[in-house]
């Protein structure tokens, strides 16, 4: 569960960056 949570956080960060640009 911890590993997937970290992966999800990275994915969310990428999504946020894409939305901002």
C-alpha atoms as a PDB file:
ATOM      1  CA  UNK A   1       0.000   0.000   0.000  1.00  0.00           C
ATOM      2  CA  UNK A   2       2.818   2.435   0.866  1.00  0.00           C
ATOM      3  CA  UNK A   3       4.546   1.847  -2.488  1.00  0.00           C
ATOM      4  CA  UNK A   4       1.408   2.533  -4.511  1.00  0.00           C
ATOM      5  CA  UNK A   5       0.681   5.647  -2.445  1.00  0.00           C
ATOM      6  CA  UNK A   6       4.111   7.056  -3.322  1.00  0.00           C
ATOM      7  CA  UNK A   7       3.556   6.250  -7.014  1.00  0.00           C
ATOM      8  CA  UNK A   8       0.168   7.919  -6.936  1.00  0.00           C
ATOM      9  CA  UNK A   9       1.660  11.046  -5.368  1.00  0.00           C
ATOM     10  CA  UNK A  10       4.223  11.256  -8.183  1.00  0.00           C
ATOM     11  CA  UNK A  11       1.466  10.777 -10.765  1.00  0.00           C
ATOM     12  CA  UNK A  12      -0.643  13.478  -9.143  1.00  0.00           C
ATOM     13  CA  UNK A  13       2.326  15.882  -9.177  1.00  0.00           C
ATOM     14  CA  UNK A  14       2.851  15.242 -12.900  1.00  0.00           C
ATOM     15  CA  UNK A  15      -0.854  15.819 -13.549  1.00  0.00           C
ATOM     16  CA  UNK A  16      -0.759  19.103 -11.609  1.00  0.00           C
ATOM     17  CA  UNK A  17       2.284  20.296 -13.557  1.00  0.00           C
ATOM     18  CA  UNK A  18       0.563  19.434 -16.855  1.00  0.00           C
ATOM     19  CA  UNK A  19      -2.548  21.366 -15.811  1.00  0.00           C
ATOM     20  CA  UNK A  20      -0.479  24.393 -14.756  1.00  0.00           C
ATOM     21  CA  UNK A  21       1.444  24.607 -18.045  1.00  0.00           C
END
